[in-house]
């Protein structure tokens, strides 16, 4: 496995909220070592833009929604690691255990400060058929990729459940 000690902070979650916090920590403490572990394959993307990509209004596709990739975060002093799935947090030992899915290795990081910025996931009702492949969420770029695949099949109808900001944009 991989072992490291972080003098300063560790962050779990590499999307907008977590990386904004990391940037703020970097400004306030320029010499702090900051590591961000992100389960997904991308950091800092605009989920609100997903409906516009699906609708064909955004040139460049899904990649156009990425604001900062891990390399850009590293240039700004945050060690952003994608495909890192945190499997345990031990506050007494001040340690986070993770799986680096790209390398297939387990690892751990000690920390002085820890920020959990994992975001949220909608509650899907326990209904028959809820897990069918044509029933999709609109939270991640992976969701968007699956929705694009469905749209390319030329499905004749769509039902949007949820009248929030993204739901209304999807309907539009």
N, C-alpha and C. Protein backbone atom coordinates (compact mmCIF):
# COMPACT_ATOMS: atom_id res chain seq x y z
N UNK A 1 0.82 -1.20 0.00
CA UNK A 1 0.00 0.00 0.00
C UNK A 1 0.85 1.25 0.00
N UNK A 2 0.18 2.37 -0.06
CA UNK A 2 0.81 3.67 -0.10
C UNK A 2 0.61 4.33 1.24
N UNK A 3 1.65 4.93 1.81
CA UNK A 3 1.53 5.64 3.07
C UNK A 3 2.09 7.04 2.90
N UNK A 4 1.47 7.99 3.57
CA UNK A 4 1.95 9.36 3.50
C UNK A 4 1.48 10.09 4.74
N UNK A 5 2.17 11.13 5.14
CA UNK A 5 1.72 11.99 6.23
C UNK A 5 1.43 13.35 5.64
N UNK A 6 0.29 13.90 5.97
CA UNK A 6 -0.10 15.20 5.46
C UNK A 6 0.05 16.21 6.58
N UNK A 7 0.96 17.15 6.42
CA UNK A 7 1.11 18.24 7.37
C UNK A 7 0.10 19.29 6.95
N UNK A 8 -1.00 19.30 7.61
CA UNK A 8 -2.03 20.25 7.24
C UNK A 8 -3.34 19.55 7.03
N UNK A 9 -3.83 19.54 5.82
CA UNK A 9 -5.19 19.09 5.61
C UNK A 9 -5.36 18.04 4.56
N UNK A 10 -6.42 17.31 4.73
CA UNK A 10 -6.84 16.32 3.75
C UNK A 10 -8.30 16.59 3.45
N UNK A 11 -8.68 16.30 2.22
CA UNK A 11 -10.02 16.58 1.75
C UNK A 11 -10.57 15.33 1.10
N UNK A 12 -11.79 14.97 1.44
CA UNK A 12 -12.46 13.87 0.77
C UNK A 12 -13.55 14.47 -0.08
N UNK A 13 -13.43 14.37 -1.38
CA UNK A 13 -14.39 14.93 -2.32
C UNK A 13 -13.73 16.01 -3.16
N UNK A 14 -13.67 15.81 -4.47
CA UNK A 14 -12.94 16.73 -5.34
C UNK A 14 -13.80 17.53 -6.29
N UNK A 15 -15.06 17.75 -5.93
CA UNK A 15 -15.91 18.56 -6.80
C UNK A 15 -15.92 20.00 -6.29
N UNK A 16 -16.90 20.77 -6.69
CA UNK A 16 -16.90 22.22 -6.48
C UNK A 16 -16.70 22.63 -5.03
N UNK A 17 -17.50 22.11 -4.11
CA UNK A 17 -17.40 22.54 -2.72
C UNK A 17 -16.06 22.20 -2.10
N UNK A 18 -15.62 20.99 -2.28
CA UNK A 18 -14.36 20.57 -1.70
C UNK A 18 -13.17 21.31 -2.27
N UNK A 19 -13.15 21.50 -3.56
CA UNK A 19 -12.00 22.16 -4.17
C UNK A 19 -12.01 23.66 -3.90
N UNK A 20 -13.20 24.25 -3.72
CA UNK A 20 -13.26 25.66 -3.31
C UNK A 20 -12.67 25.80 -1.91
N UNK A 21 -12.99 24.86 -1.01
CA UNK A 21 -12.42 24.88 0.33
C UNK A 21 -10.91 24.70 0.28
N UNK A 22 -10.44 23.81 -0.58
CA UNK A 22 -9.00 23.60 -0.72
C UNK A 22 -8.31 24.87 -1.21
N UNK A 23 -8.92 25.56 -2.15
CA UNK A 23 -8.34 26.82 -2.66
C UNK A 23 -8.28 27.88 -1.57
N UNK A 24 -9.34 27.94 -0.76
CA UNK A 24 -9.37 28.90 0.34
C UNK A 24 -8.29 28.57 1.37
N UNK A 25 -8.13 27.28 1.69
CA UNK A 25 -7.08 26.87 2.62
C UNK A 25 -5.71 27.21 2.06
N UNK A 26 -5.52 27.02 0.76
CA UNK A 26 -4.24 27.35 0.12
C UNK A 26 -3.94 28.84 0.25
N UNK A 27 -4.94 29.70 0.05
CA UNK A 27 -4.73 31.15 0.17
C UNK A 27 -4.37 31.54 1.60
N UNK A 28 -5.03 30.92 2.57
CA UNK A 28 -4.81 31.29 3.97
C UNK A 28 -3.52 30.71 4.53
N UNK A 29 -3.14 29.51 4.07
CA UNK A 29 -1.94 28.85 4.57
C UNK A 29 -1.14 28.34 3.37
N UNK A 30 -0.35 29.21 2.76
CA UNK A 30 0.32 28.85 1.51
C UNK A 30 1.27 27.66 1.59
N UNK A 31 1.74 27.28 2.77
CA UNK A 31 2.70 26.18 2.87
C UNK A 31 2.07 24.89 3.35
N UNK A 32 0.76 24.88 3.57
CA UNK A 32 0.08 23.66 4.01
C UNK A 32 0.06 22.65 2.88
N UNK A 33 0.34 21.40 3.21
CA UNK A 33 0.19 20.34 2.23
C UNK A 33 -1.28 19.95 2.21
N UNK A 34 -1.88 19.94 1.02
CA UNK A 34 -3.30 19.61 0.89
C UNK A 34 -3.44 18.48 -0.12
N UNK A 35 -4.13 17.41 0.30
CA UNK A 35 -4.41 16.28 -0.57
C UNK A 35 -5.92 16.15 -0.68
N UNK A 36 -6.42 16.03 -1.89
CA UNK A 36 -7.85 15.83 -2.14
C UNK A 36 -8.04 14.47 -2.79
N UNK A 37 -8.88 13.64 -2.18
CA UNK A 37 -9.18 12.32 -2.72
C UNK A 37 -10.56 12.34 -3.34
N UNK A 38 -10.65 12.04 -4.61
CA UNK A 38 -11.92 12.05 -5.34
C UNK A 38 -12.21 10.65 -5.87
N UNK A 39 -13.40 10.14 -5.56
CA UNK A 39 -13.80 8.79 -6.01
C UNK A 39 -13.95 8.74 -7.52
N UNK A 40 -14.46 9.79 -8.12
CA UNK A 40 -14.73 9.80 -9.56
C UNK A 40 -13.49 10.04 -10.39
N UNK A 41 -13.72 10.24 -11.68
CA UNK A 41 -12.61 10.40 -12.61
C UNK A 41 -12.37 11.85 -13.01
N UNK A 42 -13.15 12.78 -12.46
CA UNK A 42 -13.00 14.19 -12.81
C UNK A 42 -13.17 15.05 -11.57
N UNK A 43 -12.54 16.23 -11.60
CA UNK A 43 -12.70 17.19 -10.52
C UNK A 43 -13.31 18.47 -11.09
N UNK A 44 -13.92 19.23 -10.21
CA UNK A 44 -14.37 20.59 -10.50
C UNK A 44 -15.09 20.74 -11.84
N UNK A 45 -16.27 20.16 -11.93
CA UNK A 45 -17.04 20.30 -13.16
C UNK A 45 -18.39 20.95 -12.85
N UNK A 46 -19.01 21.47 -13.89
CA UNK A 46 -20.27 22.17 -13.76
C UNK A 46 -21.43 21.23 -14.01
N UNK A 47 -21.98 20.66 -12.93
CA UNK A 47 -23.13 19.76 -13.06
C UNK A 47 -24.34 20.50 -13.62
N UNK A 48 -24.44 21.79 -13.34
CA UNK A 48 -25.58 22.57 -13.85
C UNK A 48 -25.57 22.68 -15.38
N UNK A 49 -24.42 22.42 -15.99
CA UNK A 49 -24.34 22.48 -17.44
C UNK A 49 -24.75 21.19 -18.13
N UNK A 50 -24.96 20.12 -17.36
CA UNK A 50 -25.31 18.83 -17.97
C UNK A 50 -26.54 18.93 -18.88
N UNK A 51 -27.63 19.56 -18.46
CA UNK A 51 -28.80 19.63 -19.35
C UNK A 51 -28.48 20.32 -20.69
N UNK A 52 -27.57 21.29 -20.68
CA UNK A 52 -27.24 22.00 -21.91
C UNK A 52 -26.38 21.15 -22.83
N UNK A 53 -25.54 20.29 -22.27
CA UNK A 53 -24.78 19.36 -23.10
C UNK A 53 -25.73 18.34 -23.71
N UNK A 54 -26.65 17.81 -22.90
CA UNK A 54 -27.63 16.83 -23.40
C UNK A 54 -28.46 17.45 -24.52
N UNK A 55 -28.81 18.73 -24.37
CA UNK A 55 -29.61 19.41 -25.38
C UNK A 55 -28.82 19.89 -26.58
N UNK A 56 -27.50 19.69 -26.58
CA UNK A 56 -26.68 20.09 -27.73
C UNK A 56 -26.31 21.55 -27.76
N UNK A 57 -26.53 22.29 -26.67
CA UNK A 57 -26.26 23.73 -26.66
C UNK A 57 -24.82 24.06 -26.27
N UNK A 58 -24.05 23.08 -25.80
CA UNK A 58 -22.68 23.34 -25.36
C UNK A 58 -21.72 22.66 -26.32
N UNK A 59 -20.98 23.46 -27.08
CA UNK A 59 -19.97 22.84 -27.95
C UNK A 59 -18.85 22.25 -27.09
N UNK A 60 -18.30 21.13 -27.51
CA UNK A 60 -17.22 20.51 -26.77
C UNK A 60 -17.66 19.37 -25.87
N UNK A 61 -18.96 19.16 -25.78
CA UNK A 61 -19.47 18.04 -25.01
C UNK A 61 -19.16 18.12 -23.53
N UNK A 62 -19.11 16.97 -22.89
CA UNK A 62 -18.94 16.90 -21.45
C UNK A 62 -17.62 17.51 -20.98
N UNK A 63 -16.58 17.38 -21.77
CA UNK A 63 -15.28 17.93 -21.36
C UNK A 63 -15.33 19.44 -21.20
N UNK A 64 -16.26 20.10 -21.90
CA UNK A 64 -16.39 21.56 -21.77
C UNK A 64 -16.90 21.95 -20.39
N UNK A 65 -17.47 21.02 -19.65
CA UNK A 65 -17.99 21.32 -18.32
C UNK A 65 -16.93 21.25 -17.22
N UNK A 66 -15.76 20.76 -17.55
CA UNK A 66 -14.70 20.65 -16.54
C UNK A 66 -14.01 22.00 -16.39
N UNK A 67 -14.08 22.53 -15.17
CA UNK A 67 -13.50 23.83 -14.88
C UNK A 67 -12.00 23.71 -14.61
N UNK A 68 -11.64 22.74 -13.75
CA UNK A 68 -10.22 22.50 -13.44
C UNK A 68 -10.00 21.00 -13.34
N UNK A 69 -9.00 20.51 -14.06
CA UNK A 69 -8.66 19.09 -13.97
C UNK A 69 -7.64 18.90 -12.85
N UNK A 70 -7.33 17.65 -12.50
CA UNK A 70 -6.39 17.42 -11.40
C UNK A 70 -5.02 18.09 -11.61
N UNK A 71 -4.55 18.15 -12.85
CA UNK A 71 -3.26 18.78 -13.10
C UNK A 71 -3.30 20.26 -12.75
N UNK A 72 -4.41 20.93 -13.09
CA UNK A 72 -4.55 22.35 -12.76
C UNK A 72 -4.58 22.54 -11.24
N UNK A 73 -5.26 21.67 -10.52
CA UNK A 73 -5.26 21.76 -9.06
C UNK A 73 -3.85 21.58 -8.51
N UNK A 74 -3.09 20.66 -9.08
CA UNK A 74 -1.72 20.44 -8.62
C UNK A 74 -0.86 21.68 -8.86
N UNK A 75 -1.05 22.33 -10.02
CA UNK A 75 -0.31 23.57 -10.28
C UNK A 75 -0.66 24.64 -9.26
N UNK A 76 -1.87 24.57 -8.71
CA UNK A 76 -2.32 25.54 -7.70
C UNK A 76 -2.03 25.08 -6.27
N UNK A 77 -1.28 23.97 -6.13
CA UNK A 77 -0.83 23.55 -4.82
C UNK A 77 -1.74 22.58 -4.09
N UNK A 78 -2.65 21.91 -4.79
CA UNK A 78 -3.52 20.91 -4.17
C UNK A 78 -3.28 19.59 -4.89
N UNK A 79 -2.85 18.59 -4.14
CA UNK A 79 -2.58 17.26 -4.70
C UNK A 79 -3.92 16.55 -4.89
N UNK A 80 -4.53 16.73 -6.05
CA UNK A 80 -5.84 16.14 -6.35
C UNK A 80 -5.63 14.76 -6.96
N UNK A 81 -6.23 13.75 -6.33
CA UNK A 81 -6.06 12.37 -6.77
C UNK A 81 -7.43 11.79 -7.13
N UNK A 82 -7.63 11.49 -8.40
CA UNK A 82 -8.89 10.91 -8.85
C UNK A 82 -8.84 9.39 -8.73
N UNK A 83 -10.02 8.76 -8.83
CA UNK A 83 -10.13 7.31 -8.72
C UNK A 83 -9.61 6.80 -7.37
N UNK A 84 -9.75 7.60 -6.34
CA UNK A 84 -9.35 7.23 -4.98
C UNK A 84 -10.62 7.13 -4.14
N UNK A 85 -10.96 5.92 -3.77
CA UNK A 85 -12.18 5.66 -3.02
C UNK A 85 -11.84 5.52 -1.54
N UNK A 86 -12.29 6.47 -0.73
CA UNK A 86 -12.05 6.42 0.71
C UNK A 86 -12.95 5.34 1.29
N UNK A 87 -12.34 4.41 2.02
CA UNK A 87 -13.10 3.28 2.57
C UNK A 87 -13.23 3.36 4.08
N UNK A 88 -12.42 4.18 4.76
CA UNK A 88 -12.52 4.30 6.21
C UNK A 88 -11.84 5.58 6.67
N UNK A 89 -12.39 6.14 7.74
CA UNK A 89 -11.78 7.29 8.41
C UNK A 89 -11.66 6.91 9.88
N UNK A 90 -10.46 7.05 10.41
CA UNK A 90 -10.21 6.75 11.82
C UNK A 90 -9.80 8.06 12.50
N UNK A 91 -10.76 8.74 13.14
CA UNK A 91 -10.42 10.04 13.75
C UNK A 91 -9.45 9.92 14.93
N UNK A 92 -9.48 8.80 15.65
CA UNK A 92 -8.55 8.63 16.77
C UNK A 92 -7.11 8.54 16.27
N UNK A 93 -6.90 7.81 15.19
CA UNK A 93 -5.56 7.68 14.61
C UNK A 93 -5.25 8.81 13.64
N UNK A 94 -6.26 9.65 13.36
CA UNK A 94 -6.12 10.73 12.37
C UNK A 94 -5.62 10.17 11.04
N UNK A 95 -6.38 9.20 10.54
CA UNK A 95 -5.96 8.49 9.35
C UNK A 95 -7.17 8.22 8.45
N UNK A 96 -6.92 8.31 7.16
CA UNK A 96 -7.91 7.97 6.14
C UNK A 96 -7.34 6.80 5.35
N UNK A 97 -8.17 5.78 5.15
CA UNK A 97 -7.76 4.64 4.32
C UNK A 97 -8.53 4.73 3.00
N UNK A 98 -7.85 4.37 1.92
CA UNK A 98 -8.44 4.50 0.59
C UNK A 98 -7.98 3.36 -0.30
N UNK A 99 -8.67 3.25 -1.43
CA UNK A 99 -8.26 2.34 -2.50
C UNK A 99 -7.98 3.21 -3.73
N UNK A 100 -6.78 3.10 -4.25
CA UNK A 100 -6.42 3.74 -5.51
C UNK A 100 -6.84 2.76 -6.60
N UNK A 101 -7.99 3.03 -7.22
CA UNK A 101 -8.56 2.07 -8.17
C UNK A 101 -7.75 1.96 -9.45
N UNK A 102 -7.02 2.98 -9.83
CA UNK A 102 -6.20 2.88 -11.05
C UNK A 102 -5.03 1.93 -10.87
N UNK A 103 -4.44 1.95 -9.70
CA UNK A 103 -3.29 1.09 -9.44
C UNK A 103 -3.67 -0.21 -8.74
N UNK A 104 -4.91 -0.27 -8.23
CA UNK A 104 -5.33 -1.45 -7.51
C UNK A 104 -4.63 -1.60 -6.18
N UNK A 105 -4.28 -0.47 -5.55
CA UNK A 105 -3.56 -0.49 -4.28
C UNK A 105 -4.40 0.12 -3.17
N UNK A 106 -4.22 -0.44 -1.97
CA UNK A 106 -4.77 0.17 -0.77
C UNK A 106 -3.75 1.17 -0.27
N UNK A 107 -4.23 2.21 0.39
CA UNK A 107 -3.31 3.19 0.95
C UNK A 107 -3.92 3.86 2.15
N UNK A 108 -3.09 4.67 2.81
CA UNK A 108 -3.59 5.43 3.93
C UNK A 108 -2.85 6.74 4.01
N UNK A 109 -3.52 7.72 4.53
CA UNK A 109 -2.93 9.03 4.74
C UNK A 109 -3.24 9.46 6.16
N UNK A 110 -2.23 9.96 6.86
CA UNK A 110 -2.46 10.59 8.14
C UNK A 110 -2.77 12.06 7.87
N UNK A 111 -3.49 12.68 8.78
CA UNK A 111 -3.87 14.07 8.58
C UNK A 111 -3.84 14.83 9.90
N UNK A 112 -3.71 16.14 9.77
CA UNK A 112 -3.87 17.05 10.91
C UNK A 112 -5.27 17.63 10.92
N UNK A 113 -5.80 17.91 9.75
CA UNK A 113 -7.16 18.42 9.59
C UNK A 113 -7.82 17.63 8.46
N UNK A 114 -9.13 17.42 8.59
CA UNK A 114 -9.86 16.65 7.57
C UNK A 114 -11.14 17.37 7.24
N UNK A 115 -11.42 17.50 5.95
CA UNK A 115 -12.68 18.08 5.47
C UNK A 115 -13.41 17.03 4.65
N UNK A 116 -14.64 16.76 5.01
CA UNK A 116 -15.48 15.86 4.23
C UNK A 116 -16.36 16.71 3.32
N UNK A 117 -16.18 16.57 2.02
CA UNK A 117 -16.95 17.33 1.03
C UNK A 117 -17.44 16.36 -0.02
N UNK A 118 -18.19 15.36 0.42
CA UNK A 118 -18.58 14.27 -0.47
C UNK A 118 -19.82 14.56 -1.28
N UNK A 119 -20.47 15.68 -1.05
CA UNK A 119 -21.69 15.97 -1.79
C UNK A 119 -22.82 15.08 -1.32
N UNK A 120 -23.83 15.00 -2.12
CA UNK A 120 -24.99 14.20 -1.74
C UNK A 120 -25.50 13.39 -2.91
N UNK A 121 -26.40 12.53 -2.61
CA UNK A 121 -27.04 11.71 -3.64
C UNK A 121 -28.54 11.72 -3.36
N UNK A 122 -29.34 11.79 -4.41
CA UNK A 122 -30.78 11.80 -4.19
C UNK A 122 -31.27 10.46 -3.65
N UNK A 123 -32.34 10.52 -2.93
CA UNK A 123 -32.98 9.29 -2.46
C UNK A 123 -33.89 8.80 -3.57
N UNK A 124 -33.64 7.60 -4.02
CA UNK A 124 -34.47 7.01 -5.08
C UNK A 124 -35.52 6.14 -4.41
N UNK A 125 -36.77 6.38 -4.72
CA UNK A 125 -37.83 5.60 -4.07
C UNK A 125 -37.74 4.12 -4.43
N UNK A 126 -38.16 3.28 -3.50
CA UNK A 126 -38.13 1.84 -3.71
C UNK A 126 -39.36 1.45 -4.53
N UNK A 127 -39.23 1.59 -5.84
CA UNK A 127 -40.33 1.30 -6.76
C UNK A 127 -39.91 0.20 -7.72
N UNK A 128 -40.85 -0.61 -8.16
CA UNK A 128 -40.51 -1.64 -9.16
C UNK A 128 -39.92 -0.98 -10.42
N UNK A 129 -38.79 -1.47 -10.88
CA UNK A 129 -38.18 -0.98 -12.11
C UNK A 129 -37.25 0.21 -11.92
N UNK A 130 -37.08 0.70 -10.70
CA UNK A 130 -36.27 1.91 -10.48
C UNK A 130 -34.83 1.74 -10.97
N UNK A 131 -34.34 0.51 -11.05
CA UNK A 131 -32.96 0.26 -11.47
C UNK A 131 -32.84 -0.11 -12.95
N UNK A 132 -33.90 0.06 -13.73
CA UNK A 132 -33.81 -0.23 -15.16
C UNK A 132 -32.82 0.71 -15.82
N UNK A 133 -32.16 0.28 -16.89
CA UNK A 133 -31.08 1.07 -17.48
C UNK A 133 -31.52 2.40 -18.10
N UNK A 134 -32.78 2.57 -18.41
CA UNK A 134 -33.22 3.83 -19.01
C UNK A 134 -33.74 4.82 -17.97
N UNK A 135 -33.63 4.50 -16.70
CA UNK A 135 -33.98 5.42 -15.62
C UNK A 135 -32.67 5.96 -15.06
N UNK A 136 -32.44 7.25 -15.26
CA UNK A 136 -31.14 7.84 -14.95
C UNK A 136 -31.28 9.07 -14.06
N UNK A 137 -30.23 9.31 -13.28
CA UNK A 137 -30.11 10.54 -12.53
C UNK A 137 -29.34 11.56 -13.35
N UNK A 138 -29.24 12.76 -12.81
CA UNK A 138 -28.51 13.84 -13.49
C UNK A 138 -27.63 14.52 -12.44
N UNK A 139 -26.67 13.78 -11.89
CA UNK A 139 -25.80 14.37 -10.87
C UNK A 139 -24.35 14.45 -11.32
N UNK A 140 -23.87 13.47 -12.05
CA UNK A 140 -22.44 13.40 -12.38
C UNK A 140 -22.23 13.40 -13.89
N UNK A 141 -20.99 13.56 -14.29
CA UNK A 141 -20.69 13.49 -15.72
C UNK A 141 -20.87 12.07 -16.24
N UNK A 142 -20.72 11.07 -15.38
CA UNK A 142 -21.04 9.69 -15.77
C UNK A 142 -22.52 9.55 -16.08
N UNK A 143 -23.39 10.17 -15.25
CA UNK A 143 -24.83 10.19 -15.53
C UNK A 143 -25.08 10.84 -16.89
N UNK A 144 -24.40 11.95 -17.12
CA UNK A 144 -24.58 12.68 -18.38
C UNK A 144 -24.19 11.82 -19.57
N UNK A 145 -23.10 11.08 -19.44
CA UNK A 145 -22.66 10.20 -20.54
C UNK A 145 -23.72 9.15 -20.84
N UNK A 146 -24.30 8.58 -19.79
CA UNK A 146 -25.36 7.58 -19.99
C UNK A 146 -26.60 8.23 -20.63
N UNK A 147 -26.95 9.44 -20.21
CA UNK A 147 -28.09 10.14 -20.79
C UNK A 147 -27.85 10.46 -22.27
N UNK A 148 -26.64 10.86 -22.60
CA UNK A 148 -26.31 11.11 -24.01
C UNK A 148 -26.48 9.84 -24.83
N UNK A 149 -26.05 8.71 -24.28
CA UNK A 149 -26.22 7.43 -24.98
C UNK A 149 -27.69 7.12 -25.22
N UNK A 150 -28.53 7.39 -24.22
CA UNK A 150 -29.97 7.17 -24.39
C UNK A 150 -30.54 8.12 -25.44
N UNK A 151 -30.12 9.38 -25.40
CA UNK A 151 -30.62 10.37 -26.36
C UNK A 151 -30.24 9.99 -27.78
N UNK A 152 -29.03 9.45 -27.95
CA UNK A 152 -28.56 9.05 -29.29
C UNK A 152 -29.36 7.88 -29.84
N UNK A 153 -30.04 7.13 -28.98
CA UNK A 153 -30.89 6.03 -29.44
C UNK A 153 -32.20 6.55 -30.01
N UNK A 154 -32.46 7.84 -29.85
CA UNK A 154 -33.67 8.43 -30.42
C UNK A 154 -34.94 8.03 -29.71
N UNK A 155 -34.89 7.95 -28.41
CA UNK A 155 -36.08 7.59 -27.64
C UNK A 155 -37.18 8.62 -27.88
N UNK A 156 -38.42 8.19 -28.07
CA UNK A 156 -39.50 9.12 -28.43
C UNK A 156 -40.03 9.95 -27.27
N UNK A 157 -39.83 9.53 -26.01
CA UNK A 157 -40.40 10.25 -24.87
C UNK A 157 -39.40 10.29 -23.73
N UNK A 158 -39.59 11.29 -22.89
CA UNK A 158 -38.82 11.39 -21.65
C UNK A 158 -39.73 11.94 -20.57
N UNK A 159 -39.56 11.46 -19.37
CA UNK A 159 -40.27 11.99 -18.21
C UNK A 159 -39.22 12.48 -17.24
N UNK A 160 -39.37 13.72 -16.81
CA UNK A 160 -38.46 14.32 -15.84
C UNK A 160 -39.16 14.29 -14.49
N UNK A 161 -38.55 13.68 -13.50
CA UNK A 161 -39.09 13.67 -12.15
C UNK A 161 -38.24 14.62 -11.33
N UNK A 162 -38.85 15.68 -10.86
CA UNK A 162 -38.14 16.70 -10.09
C UNK A 162 -38.23 18.03 -10.80
N UNK A 163 -38.76 19.01 -10.12
CA UNK A 163 -38.95 20.33 -10.71
C UNK A 163 -37.96 21.35 -10.20
N UNK A 164 -36.80 20.89 -9.74
CA UNK A 164 -35.76 21.82 -9.32
C UNK A 164 -35.05 22.41 -10.54
N UNK A 165 -33.99 23.13 -10.26
CA UNK A 165 -33.26 23.85 -11.29
C UNK A 165 -32.82 22.94 -12.43
N UNK A 166 -32.16 21.83 -12.12
CA UNK A 166 -31.66 20.95 -13.17
C UNK A 166 -32.80 20.21 -13.85
N UNK A 167 -33.82 19.81 -13.09
CA UNK A 167 -34.98 19.15 -13.69
C UNK A 167 -35.67 20.02 -14.73
N UNK A 168 -35.83 21.31 -14.40
CA UNK A 168 -36.47 22.23 -15.34
C UNK A 168 -35.57 22.47 -16.57
N UNK A 169 -34.26 22.54 -16.36
CA UNK A 169 -33.36 22.69 -17.49
C UNK A 169 -33.38 21.46 -18.39
N UNK A 170 -33.49 20.28 -17.79
CA UNK A 170 -33.58 19.06 -18.59
C UNK A 170 -34.86 19.07 -19.43
N UNK A 171 -35.96 19.51 -18.84
CA UNK A 171 -37.22 19.58 -19.58
C UNK A 171 -37.12 20.56 -20.74
N UNK A 172 -36.44 21.65 -20.50
CA UNK A 172 -36.28 22.67 -21.55
C UNK A 172 -35.53 22.08 -22.74
